[in-house]
Amino acid sequence: MANRQFVFLNNSDTLIAALKQMLEFVETNLPASTRAGKTIFNAKVVLTELLTNSIKHSGSSDTLITIEARNSSLLITKTDTGNPLSLIDNDLSSTKKPITNDILHTLYAVSERNDHLYFVCEENKMEDILAIDDIVEHFGLLIITKAADNFTYSYDHSTKSNIFKVILNY
């Protein structure tokens, strides 16, 4: 098991260099028996969206990305400080709340407990496509959910930290 932390300066000028460095770590630390191409592609999608999210929404000068290459999975954790994800403020008392969609899928946020969400992506039937006015724009979360085997978000009020966790199984 390998573990490394990266500090990303929330700046578009550093995005490509940071992404390359993180993907190099992923590629170097995958078990030999892993379908490396698929895992690296999914890691690239996830990391690109997490870093872009940091630039656009974190409101802080930097973001901590931790990558753990485990025996059967890759764990990517993004931590930044700032306001909680707007979904935390919404009423998520229903089992699943739709938050965005494309023509093929709908992304749902599911509240497990206070300040903790997990995301589920389901394929749309043509007759089930939601009205565009009913959907909040969180397309990056949809992209991450499609690439991940597990994607969660939590907000720590004591540290004012947003914590996104993504698991990619090999």
N, C-alpha and C. Protein backbone atom coordinates (compact mmCIF):
# COMPACT_ATOMS: atom_id res chain seq x y z
N MET A 1 0.84 -1.17 0.00
CA MET A 1 0.00 0.00 0.00
C MET A 1 0.89 1.24 0.00
N ALA A 2 0.61 2.16 -0.93
CA ALA A 2 1.36 3.42 -1.02
C ALA A 2 0.40 4.57 -0.77
N ASN A 3 0.91 5.62 -0.14
CA ASN A 3 0.09 6.75 0.23
C ASN A 3 0.90 8.02 0.00
N ARG A 4 0.27 9.03 -0.63
CA ARG A 4 0.97 10.28 -0.84
C ARG A 4 -0.01 11.45 -0.79
N GLN A 5 0.44 12.56 -0.23
CA GLN A 5 -0.36 13.78 -0.18
C GLN A 5 0.22 14.80 -1.15
N PHE A 6 -0.68 15.50 -1.83
CA PHE A 6 -0.31 16.55 -2.76
C PHE A 6 -1.03 17.83 -2.34
N VAL A 7 -0.31 18.93 -2.31
CA VAL A 7 -0.95 20.22 -2.06
C VAL A 7 -1.11 20.89 -3.42
N PHE A 8 -2.36 21.13 -3.79
CA PHE A 8 -2.68 21.76 -5.07
C PHE A 8 -3.00 23.23 -4.82
N LEU A 9 -2.27 24.11 -5.48
CA LEU A 9 -2.57 25.53 -5.41
C LEU A 9 -3.74 25.78 -6.34
N ASN A 10 -4.83 26.29 -5.82
CA ASN A 10 -6.07 26.42 -6.58
C ASN A 10 -5.93 27.48 -7.66
N ASN A 11 -5.24 27.08 -8.72
CA ASN A 11 -4.87 27.99 -9.79
C ASN A 11 -4.83 27.20 -11.09
N SER A 12 -5.48 27.70 -12.12
CA SER A 12 -5.53 26.96 -13.38
C SER A 12 -4.15 26.80 -14.01
N ASP A 13 -3.20 27.68 -13.69
CA ASP A 13 -1.84 27.55 -14.24
C ASP A 13 -1.11 26.32 -13.71
N THR A 14 -1.51 25.80 -12.56
CA THR A 14 -0.83 24.65 -11.96
C THR A 14 -1.59 23.34 -12.18
N LEU A 15 -2.74 23.41 -12.82
CA LEU A 15 -3.61 22.23 -12.97
C LEU A 15 -2.91 21.08 -13.71
N ILE A 16 -2.38 21.33 -14.88
CA ILE A 16 -1.79 20.26 -15.70
C ILE A 16 -0.60 19.61 -15.00
N ALA A 17 0.29 20.43 -14.44
CA ALA A 17 1.48 19.88 -13.76
C ALA A 17 1.06 19.03 -12.56
N ALA A 18 0.09 19.51 -11.79
CA ALA A 18 -0.38 18.76 -10.62
C ALA A 18 -1.03 17.45 -11.05
N LEU A 19 -1.86 17.51 -12.07
CA LEU A 19 -2.54 16.31 -12.57
C LEU A 19 -1.51 15.27 -13.04
N LYS A 20 -0.51 15.70 -13.79
CA LYS A 20 0.53 14.78 -14.26
C LYS A 20 1.25 14.11 -13.09
N GLN A 21 1.59 14.91 -12.08
CA GLN A 21 2.30 14.38 -10.92
C GLN A 21 1.46 13.33 -10.18
N MET A 22 0.18 13.62 -10.01
CA MET A 22 -0.71 12.69 -9.32
C MET A 22 -0.91 11.41 -10.11
N LEU A 23 -1.10 11.53 -11.42
CA LEU A 23 -1.29 10.34 -12.26
C LEU A 23 -0.03 9.49 -12.34
N GLU A 24 1.11 10.12 -12.32
CA GLU A 24 2.37 9.37 -12.29
C GLU A 24 2.46 8.53 -11.01
N PHE A 25 2.06 9.12 -9.88
CA PHE A 25 2.03 8.38 -8.62
C PHE A 25 1.07 7.19 -8.72
N VAL A 26 -0.12 7.42 -9.27
CA VAL A 26 -1.10 6.35 -9.43
C VAL A 26 -0.52 5.23 -10.28
N GLU A 27 0.00 5.57 -11.45
CA GLU A 27 0.52 4.56 -12.37
C GLU A 27 1.67 3.77 -11.76
N THR A 28 2.54 4.43 -11.05
CA THR A 28 3.70 3.78 -10.43
C THR A 28 3.30 2.83 -9.32
N ASN A 29 2.17 3.08 -8.66
CA ASN A 29 1.82 2.31 -7.47
C ASN A 29 0.66 1.35 -7.64
N LEU A 30 0.22 1.13 -8.86
CA LEU A 30 -0.84 0.13 -9.09
C LEU A 30 -0.26 -1.27 -9.00
N PRO A 31 -0.99 -2.21 -8.41
CA PRO A 31 -0.53 -3.60 -8.42
C PRO A 31 -0.37 -4.11 -9.85
N ALA A 32 0.56 -5.00 -10.05
CA ALA A 32 0.86 -5.51 -11.39
C ALA A 32 -0.35 -6.17 -12.05
N SER A 33 -1.23 -6.76 -11.27
CA SER A 33 -2.38 -7.49 -11.82
C SER A 33 -3.55 -6.58 -12.20
N THR A 34 -3.40 -5.27 -12.03
CA THR A 34 -4.49 -4.31 -12.24
C THR A 34 -4.68 -4.00 -13.72
N ARG A 35 -5.94 -3.78 -14.10
CA ARG A 35 -6.24 -3.26 -15.44
C ARG A 35 -5.87 -1.78 -15.42
N ALA A 36 -4.60 -1.51 -15.63
CA ALA A 36 -4.05 -0.17 -15.42
C ALA A 36 -4.71 0.88 -16.29
N GLY A 37 -4.98 0.58 -17.54
CA GLY A 37 -5.56 1.56 -18.45
C GLY A 37 -6.87 2.13 -17.95
N LYS A 38 -7.77 1.26 -17.52
CA LYS A 38 -9.08 1.70 -17.02
C LYS A 38 -8.92 2.49 -15.72
N THR A 39 -8.11 2.00 -14.81
CA THR A 39 -7.91 2.68 -13.53
C THR A 39 -7.29 4.05 -13.72
N ILE A 40 -6.28 4.14 -14.57
CA ILE A 40 -5.62 5.42 -14.81
C ILE A 40 -6.59 6.40 -15.49
N PHE A 41 -7.37 5.91 -16.45
CA PHE A 41 -8.36 6.78 -17.10
C PHE A 41 -9.36 7.32 -16.07
N ASN A 42 -9.92 6.43 -15.25
CA ASN A 42 -10.89 6.87 -14.24
C ASN A 42 -10.26 7.82 -13.22
N ALA A 43 -9.01 7.54 -12.83
CA ALA A 43 -8.31 8.44 -11.91
C ALA A 43 -8.12 9.81 -12.54
N LYS A 44 -7.80 9.84 -13.83
CA LYS A 44 -7.62 11.12 -14.53
C LYS A 44 -8.93 11.91 -14.56
N VAL A 45 -10.04 11.24 -14.84
CA VAL A 45 -11.35 11.90 -14.87
C VAL A 45 -11.66 12.47 -13.48
N VAL A 46 -11.51 11.65 -12.46
CA VAL A 46 -11.84 12.05 -11.09
C VAL A 46 -10.95 13.20 -10.65
N LEU A 47 -9.64 13.07 -10.81
CA LEU A 47 -8.71 14.11 -10.36
C LEU A 47 -8.93 15.42 -11.11
N THR A 48 -9.18 15.34 -12.41
CA THR A 48 -9.44 16.56 -13.19
C THR A 48 -10.66 17.29 -12.65
N GLU A 49 -11.72 16.55 -12.36
CA GLU A 49 -12.94 17.18 -11.83
C GLU A 49 -12.73 17.72 -10.42
N LEU A 50 -12.02 16.98 -9.57
CA LEU A 50 -11.78 17.46 -8.20
C LEU A 50 -10.92 18.72 -8.20
N LEU A 51 -9.88 18.75 -9.03
CA LEU A 51 -9.02 19.93 -9.09
C LEU A 51 -9.76 21.13 -9.69
N THR A 52 -10.54 20.88 -10.74
CA THR A 52 -11.34 21.94 -11.34
C THR A 52 -12.34 22.49 -10.33
N ASN A 53 -12.95 21.59 -9.56
CA ASN A 53 -13.87 22.00 -8.50
C ASN A 53 -13.16 22.91 -7.49
N SER A 54 -11.93 22.58 -7.16
CA SER A 54 -11.17 23.40 -6.22
C SER A 54 -10.95 24.81 -6.75
N ILE A 55 -10.58 24.90 -8.01
CA ILE A 55 -10.34 26.22 -8.62
C ILE A 55 -11.63 27.04 -8.62
N LYS A 56 -12.73 26.41 -8.99
CA LYS A 56 -13.99 27.14 -9.16
C LYS A 56 -14.72 27.44 -7.85
N HIS A 57 -14.68 26.50 -6.89
CA HIS A 57 -15.61 26.59 -5.77
C HIS A 57 -15.03 26.63 -4.37
N SER A 58 -13.77 26.26 -4.18
CA SER A 58 -13.30 26.08 -2.80
C SER A 58 -13.19 27.39 -2.02
N GLY A 59 -12.78 28.46 -2.69
CA GLY A 59 -12.61 29.71 -1.98
C GLY A 59 -11.37 29.75 -1.11
N SER A 60 -10.54 28.73 -1.18
CA SER A 60 -9.30 28.71 -0.41
C SER A 60 -8.12 28.74 -1.38
N SER A 61 -6.93 29.00 -0.85
CA SER A 61 -5.75 29.14 -1.71
C SER A 61 -5.17 27.79 -2.14
N ASP A 62 -5.47 26.74 -1.38
CA ASP A 62 -4.94 25.43 -1.75
C ASP A 62 -5.89 24.31 -1.32
N THR A 63 -5.61 23.15 -1.87
CA THR A 63 -6.41 21.96 -1.62
C THR A 63 -5.46 20.80 -1.37
N LEU A 64 -5.82 19.93 -0.43
CA LEU A 64 -5.03 18.75 -0.15
C LEU A 64 -5.65 17.55 -0.86
N ILE A 65 -4.86 16.88 -1.67
CA ILE A 65 -5.28 15.64 -2.34
C ILE A 65 -4.44 14.52 -1.76
N THR A 66 -5.09 13.51 -1.23
CA THR A 66 -4.40 12.32 -0.72
C THR A 66 -4.78 11.15 -1.61
N ILE A 67 -3.78 10.42 -2.05
CA ILE A 67 -4.01 9.23 -2.89
C ILE A 67 -3.41 8.03 -2.19
N GLU A 68 -4.25 7.01 -1.99
CA GLU A 68 -3.80 5.75 -1.39
C GLU A 68 -4.01 4.64 -2.41
N ALA A 69 -2.93 3.99 -2.79
CA ALA A 69 -3.01 2.81 -3.65
C ALA A 69 -3.06 1.60 -2.72
N ARG A 70 -4.23 0.99 -2.63
CA ARG A 70 -4.44 -0.16 -1.75
C ARG A 70 -4.32 -1.45 -2.56
N ASN A 71 -4.50 -2.58 -1.89
CA ASN A 71 -4.40 -3.87 -2.58
C ASN A 71 -5.46 -4.04 -3.67
N SER A 72 -6.68 -3.58 -3.41
CA SER A 72 -7.75 -3.81 -4.39
C SER A 72 -8.45 -2.52 -4.84
N SER A 73 -7.97 -1.37 -4.37
CA SER A 73 -8.63 -0.13 -4.75
C SER A 73 -7.70 1.07 -4.60
N LEU A 74 -8.12 2.13 -5.24
CA LEU A 74 -7.44 3.41 -5.14
C LEU A 74 -8.39 4.35 -4.40
N LEU A 75 -7.90 5.00 -3.34
CA LEU A 75 -8.70 5.96 -2.59
C LEU A 75 -8.13 7.34 -2.84
N ILE A 76 -8.98 8.23 -3.34
CA ILE A 76 -8.60 9.62 -3.59
C ILE A 76 -9.44 10.48 -2.66
N THR A 77 -8.78 11.30 -1.85
CA THR A 77 -9.48 12.19 -0.92
C THR A 77 -9.07 13.62 -1.22
N LYS A 78 -10.06 14.48 -1.39
CA LYS A 78 -9.84 15.91 -1.61
C LYS A 78 -10.36 16.64 -0.38
N THR A 79 -9.52 17.48 0.23
CA THR A 79 -9.93 18.25 1.39
C THR A 79 -9.60 19.72 1.14
N ASP A 80 -10.61 20.57 1.32
CA ASP A 80 -10.38 22.01 1.24
C ASP A 80 -11.21 22.69 2.31
N THR A 81 -10.91 23.93 2.57
CA THR A 81 -11.67 24.67 3.57
C THR A 81 -12.59 25.67 2.86
N GLY A 82 -13.67 25.97 3.51
CA GLY A 82 -14.60 26.93 2.93
C GLY A 82 -16.02 26.55 3.25
N ASN A 83 -16.93 27.14 2.49
CA ASN A 83 -18.34 26.87 2.70
C ASN A 83 -18.68 25.44 2.30
N PRO A 84 -19.67 24.85 2.96
CA PRO A 84 -20.06 23.49 2.58
C PRO A 84 -20.71 23.47 1.20
N LEU A 85 -20.67 22.32 0.59
CA LEU A 85 -21.35 22.09 -0.68
C LEU A 85 -22.80 22.53 -0.52
N SER A 86 -23.32 23.24 -1.48
CA SER A 86 -24.67 23.80 -1.36
C SER A 86 -25.73 22.74 -1.09
N LEU A 87 -25.47 21.52 -1.45
CA LEU A 87 -26.45 20.44 -1.23
C LEU A 87 -26.67 20.17 0.25
N ILE A 88 -25.68 20.45 1.07
CA ILE A 88 -25.81 20.23 2.52
C ILE A 88 -26.91 21.11 3.08
N ASP A 89 -27.05 22.31 2.54
CA ASP A 89 -28.06 23.24 3.03
C ASP A 89 -29.46 22.87 2.56
N ASN A 90 -29.56 22.09 1.51
CA ASN A 90 -30.87 21.70 0.96
C ASN A 90 -31.49 20.59 1.80
N ASP A 91 -32.79 20.46 1.69
CA ASP A 91 -33.51 19.40 2.39
C ASP A 91 -33.30 18.09 1.63
N LEU A 92 -32.51 17.22 2.21
CA LEU A 92 -32.27 15.91 1.59
C LEU A 92 -32.91 14.81 2.43
N SER A 93 -34.07 15.13 3.00
CA SER A 93 -34.72 14.15 3.85
C SER A 93 -35.30 12.99 3.04
N SER A 94 -35.50 13.21 1.74
CA SER A 94 -35.99 12.11 0.91
C SER A 94 -34.87 11.09 0.73
N THR A 95 -35.22 9.91 0.32
CA THR A 95 -34.23 8.85 0.14
C THR A 95 -33.18 9.24 -0.87
N LYS A 96 -33.61 9.72 -2.02
CA LYS A 96 -32.69 10.17 -3.07
C LYS A 96 -33.21 11.48 -3.62
N LYS A 97 -32.33 12.46 -3.74
CA LYS A 97 -32.71 13.76 -4.30
C LYS A 97 -31.96 13.94 -5.61
N PRO A 98 -32.67 14.13 -6.73
CA PRO A 98 -31.98 14.36 -8.00
C PRO A 98 -31.28 15.72 -7.97
N ILE A 99 -30.02 15.75 -8.42
CA ILE A 99 -29.30 17.02 -8.40
C ILE A 99 -28.82 17.46 -9.78
N THR A 100 -28.63 16.55 -10.70
CA THR A 100 -28.29 16.92 -12.07
C THR A 100 -28.51 15.72 -12.97
N ASN A 101 -28.56 15.97 -14.25
CA ASN A 101 -28.69 14.86 -15.18
C ASN A 101 -28.13 15.24 -16.54
N ASP A 102 -27.92 14.22 -17.34
CA ASP A 102 -27.68 14.42 -18.75
C ASP A 102 -28.71 13.56 -19.47
N ILE A 103 -28.61 13.41 -20.74
CA ILE A 103 -29.63 12.67 -21.49
C ILE A 103 -29.64 11.18 -21.10
N LEU A 104 -28.53 10.68 -20.55
CA LEU A 104 -28.43 9.26 -20.24
C LEU A 104 -28.62 8.91 -18.77
N HIS A 105 -28.24 9.82 -17.86
CA HIS A 105 -28.21 9.49 -16.44
C HIS A 105 -28.74 10.62 -15.57
N THR A 106 -29.19 10.24 -14.38
CA THR A 106 -29.53 11.21 -13.34
C THR A 106 -28.63 10.93 -12.14
N LEU A 107 -28.08 12.01 -11.59
CA LEU A 107 -27.27 11.92 -10.38
C LEU A 107 -28.13 12.27 -9.19
N TYR A 108 -28.09 11.41 -8.16
CA TYR A 108 -28.84 11.62 -6.93
C TYR A 108 -27.86 11.81 -5.78
N ALA A 109 -28.22 12.70 -4.85
CA ALA A 109 -27.50 12.82 -3.58
C ALA A 109 -28.34 12.12 -2.53
N VAL A 110 -27.71 11.28 -1.75
CA VAL A 110 -28.39 10.54 -0.69
C VAL A 110 -27.73 10.94 0.63
N SER A 111 -28.54 11.40 1.58
CA SER A 111 -28.03 11.83 2.87
C SER A 111 -28.01 10.63 3.81
N GLU A 112 -26.81 10.26 4.27
CA GLU A 112 -26.68 9.16 5.23
C GLU A 112 -26.86 9.67 6.65
N ARG A 113 -26.32 10.86 6.92
CA ARG A 113 -26.42 11.49 8.23
C ARG A 113 -26.12 12.97 8.02
N ASN A 114 -26.21 13.77 9.07
CA ASN A 114 -25.92 15.20 8.94
C ASN A 114 -24.57 15.42 8.28
N ASP A 115 -24.55 16.28 7.31
CA ASP A 115 -23.31 16.73 6.67
C ASP A 115 -22.53 15.63 5.96
N HIS A 116 -23.20 14.55 5.57
CA HIS A 116 -22.53 13.48 4.83
C HIS A 116 -23.46 12.97 3.73
N LEU A 117 -22.96 12.98 2.52
CA LEU A 117 -23.73 12.53 1.36
C LEU A 117 -22.96 11.44 0.63
N TYR A 118 -23.70 10.59 -0.06
CA TYR A 118 -23.06 9.78 -1.08
C TYR A 118 -23.86 9.97 -2.35
N PHE A 119 -23.23 9.66 -3.47
CA PHE A 119 -23.82 9.94 -4.77
C PHE A 119 -24.10 8.65 -5.52
N VAL A 120 -25.26 8.63 -6.20
CA VAL A 120 -25.69 7.48 -6.98
C VAL A 120 -26.08 7.97 -8.36
N CYS A 121 -25.64 7.26 -9.37
CA CYS A 121 -25.96 7.60 -10.75
C CYS A 121 -26.82 6.48 -11.32
N GLU A 122 -27.97 6.84 -11.88
CA GLU A 122 -28.86 5.83 -12.47
C GLU A 122 -29.16 6.20 -13.91
N GLU A 123 -29.25 5.16 -14.73
CA GLU A 123 -29.58 5.37 -16.13
C GLU A 123 -31.02 5.83 -16.27
N ASN A 124 -31.25 6.81 -17.15
CA ASN A 124 -32.59 7.33 -17.39
C ASN A 124 -33.31 6.49 -18.43
N LYS A 125 -34.60 6.33 -18.22
CA LYS A 125 -35.48 5.87 -19.30
C LYS A 125 -35.93 7.14 -19.99
N MET A 126 -36.19 7.09 -21.23
CA MET A 126 -36.55 8.31 -21.96
C MET A 126 -37.72 9.04 -21.31
N GLU A 127 -38.70 8.31 -20.81
CA GLU A 127 -39.87 8.96 -20.22
C GLU A 127 -39.60 9.51 -18.82
N ASP A 128 -38.42 9.17 -18.22
CA ASP A 128 -38.11 9.62 -16.87
C ASP A 128 -37.20 10.84 -16.82
N ILE A 129 -36.79 11.35 -17.97
CA ILE A 129 -35.88 12.49 -17.97
C ILE A 129 -36.57 13.68 -17.31
N LEU A 130 -35.89 14.23 -16.31
CA LEU A 130 -36.46 15.30 -15.50
C LEU A 130 -36.45 16.63 -16.24
N ALA A 131 -37.37 17.50 -15.88
CA ALA A 131 -37.41 18.83 -16.45
C ALA A 131 -36.15 19.59 -16.06
N ILE A 132 -35.55 20.29 -16.99
CA ILE A 132 -34.30 20.97 -16.74
C ILE A 132 -34.42 21.99 -15.61
N ASP A 133 -35.60 22.59 -15.43
CA ASP A 133 -35.79 23.57 -14.37
C ASP A 133 -35.75 22.94 -12.98
N ASP A 134 -35.91 21.62 -12.88
CA ASP A 134 -35.92 20.94 -11.59
C ASP A 134 -34.54 20.46 -11.15
N ILE A 135 -33.53 20.71 -11.95
CA ILE A 135 -32.21 20.16 -11.70
C ILE A 135 -31.23 21.28 -11.35
N VAL A 136 -30.46 21.07 -10.27
CA VAL A 136 -29.39 21.99 -9.90
C VAL A 136 -28.16 21.60 -10.70
N GLU A 137 -27.34 22.54 -11.09
CA GLU A 137 -26.16 22.25 -11.91
C GLU A 137 -25.00 21.74 -11.06
N HIS A 138 -24.74 20.47 -11.14
CA HIS A 138 -23.59 19.83 -10.48
C HIS A 138 -23.04 18.75 -11.41
N PHE A 139 -22.78 19.14 -12.65
CA PHE A 139 -22.39 18.18 -13.66
C PHE A 139 -21.07 17.48 -13.33
N GLY A 140 -20.11 18.19 -12.71
CA GLY A 140 -18.84 17.56 -12.33
C GLY A 140 -19.03 16.41 -11.37
N LEU A 141 -20.01 16.53 -10.47
CA LEU A 141 -20.30 15.44 -9.54
C LEU A 141 -20.83 14.21 -10.29
N LEU A 142 -21.62 14.46 -11.33
CA LEU A 142 -22.12 13.37 -12.17
C LEU A 142 -20.96 12.65 -12.85
N ILE A 143 -20.02 13.41 -13.37
CA ILE A 143 -18.86 12.82 -14.05
C ILE A 143 -18.05 11.96 -13.07
N ILE A 144 -17.81 12.47 -11.87
CA ILE A 144 -17.04 11.70 -10.88
C ILE A 144 -17.80 10.42 -10.50
N THR A 145 -19.10 10.55 -10.28
CA THR A 145 -19.90 9.39 -9.89
C THR A 145 -19.87 8.31 -10.96
N LYS A 146 -19.90 8.71 -12.22
CA LYS A 146 -19.85 7.73 -13.33
C LYS A 146 -18.50 7.00 -13.36
N ALA A 147 -17.42 7.70 -13.01
CA ALA A 147 -16.08 7.09 -13.07
C ALA A 147 -15.75 6.28 -11.82
N ALA A 148 -16.41 6.58 -10.69
CA ALA A 148 -16.05 5.99 -9.40
C ALA A 148 -16.88 4.76 -9.06
N ASP A 149 -16.33 3.93 -8.19
CA ASP A 149 -17.10 2.83 -7.61
C ASP A 149 -17.83 3.29 -6.35
N ASN A 150 -17.30 4.33 -5.71
CA ASN A 150 -17.94 4.91 -4.53
C ASN A 150 -17.49 6.36 -4.45
N PHE A 151 -18.45 7.27 -4.19
CA PHE A 151 -18.15 8.70 -4.12
C PHE A 151 -18.97 9.30 -3.00
N THR A 152 -18.29 9.89 -2.01
CA THR A 152 -18.98 10.50 -0.88
C THR A 152 -18.45 11.91 -0.63
N TYR A 153 -19.26 12.67 0.09
CA TYR A 153 -18.90 14.03 0.49
C TYR A 153 -19.31 14.21 1.94
N SER A 154 -18.48 14.89 2.70
CA SER A 154 -18.87 15.28 4.05
C SER A 154 -18.28 16.65 4.35
N TYR A 155 -18.91 17.32 5.30
CA TYR A 155 -18.46 18.64 5.73
C TYR A 155 -18.19 18.58 7.23
N ASP A 156 -16.98 18.98 7.62
CA ASP A 156 -16.58 19.00 9.02
C ASP A 156 -16.70 20.45 9.51
N HIS A 157 -17.72 20.71 10.33
CA HIS A 157 -17.96 22.07 10.82
C HIS A 157 -16.82 22.59 11.70
N SER A 158 -16.19 21.70 12.46
CA SER A 158 -15.14 22.15 13.38
C SER A 158 -13.91 22.68 12.64
N THR A 159 -13.57 22.08 11.50
CA THR A 159 -12.41 22.53 10.72
C THR A 159 -12.82 23.31 9.47
N LYS A 160 -14.14 23.41 9.25
CA LYS A 160 -14.70 24.05 8.04
C LYS A 160 -14.10 23.40 6.79
N SER A 161 -14.05 22.07 6.80
CA SER A 161 -13.43 21.32 5.70
C SER A 161 -14.47 20.57 4.88
N ASN A 162 -14.33 20.67 3.58
CA ASN A 162 -15.07 19.85 2.64
C ASN A 162 -14.22 18.63 2.35
N ILE A 163 -14.80 17.45 2.45
CA ILE A 163 -14.05 16.22 2.25
C ILE A 163 -14.78 15.37 1.21
N PHE A 164 -14.14 15.21 0.06
CA PHE A 164 -14.67 14.37 -1.01
C PHE A 164 -13.81 13.11 -1.03
N LYS A 165 -14.46 11.93 -1.04
CA LYS A 165 -13.74 10.66 -1.09
C LYS A 165 -14.23 9.84 -2.28
N VAL A 166 -13.27 9.33 -3.04
CA VAL A 166 -13.57 8.53 -4.22
C VAL A 166 -12.82 7.23 -4.13
N ILE A 167 -13.52 6.14 -4.37
CA ILE A 167 -12.88 4.82 -4.43
C ILE A 167 -13.00 4.30 -5.86
N LEU A 168 -11.86 3.87 -6.39
CA LEU A 168 -11.81 3.19 -7.69
C LEU A 168 -11.32 1.78 -7.43
N ASN A 169 -12.16 0.80 -7.64
CA ASN A 169 -11.75 -0.59 -7.46
C ASN A 169 -10.97 -1.06 -8.69
N TYR A 170 -9.96 -1.91 -8.43
CA TYR A 170 -9.17 -2.46 -9.55
C TYR A 170 -9.91 -3.61 -10.16
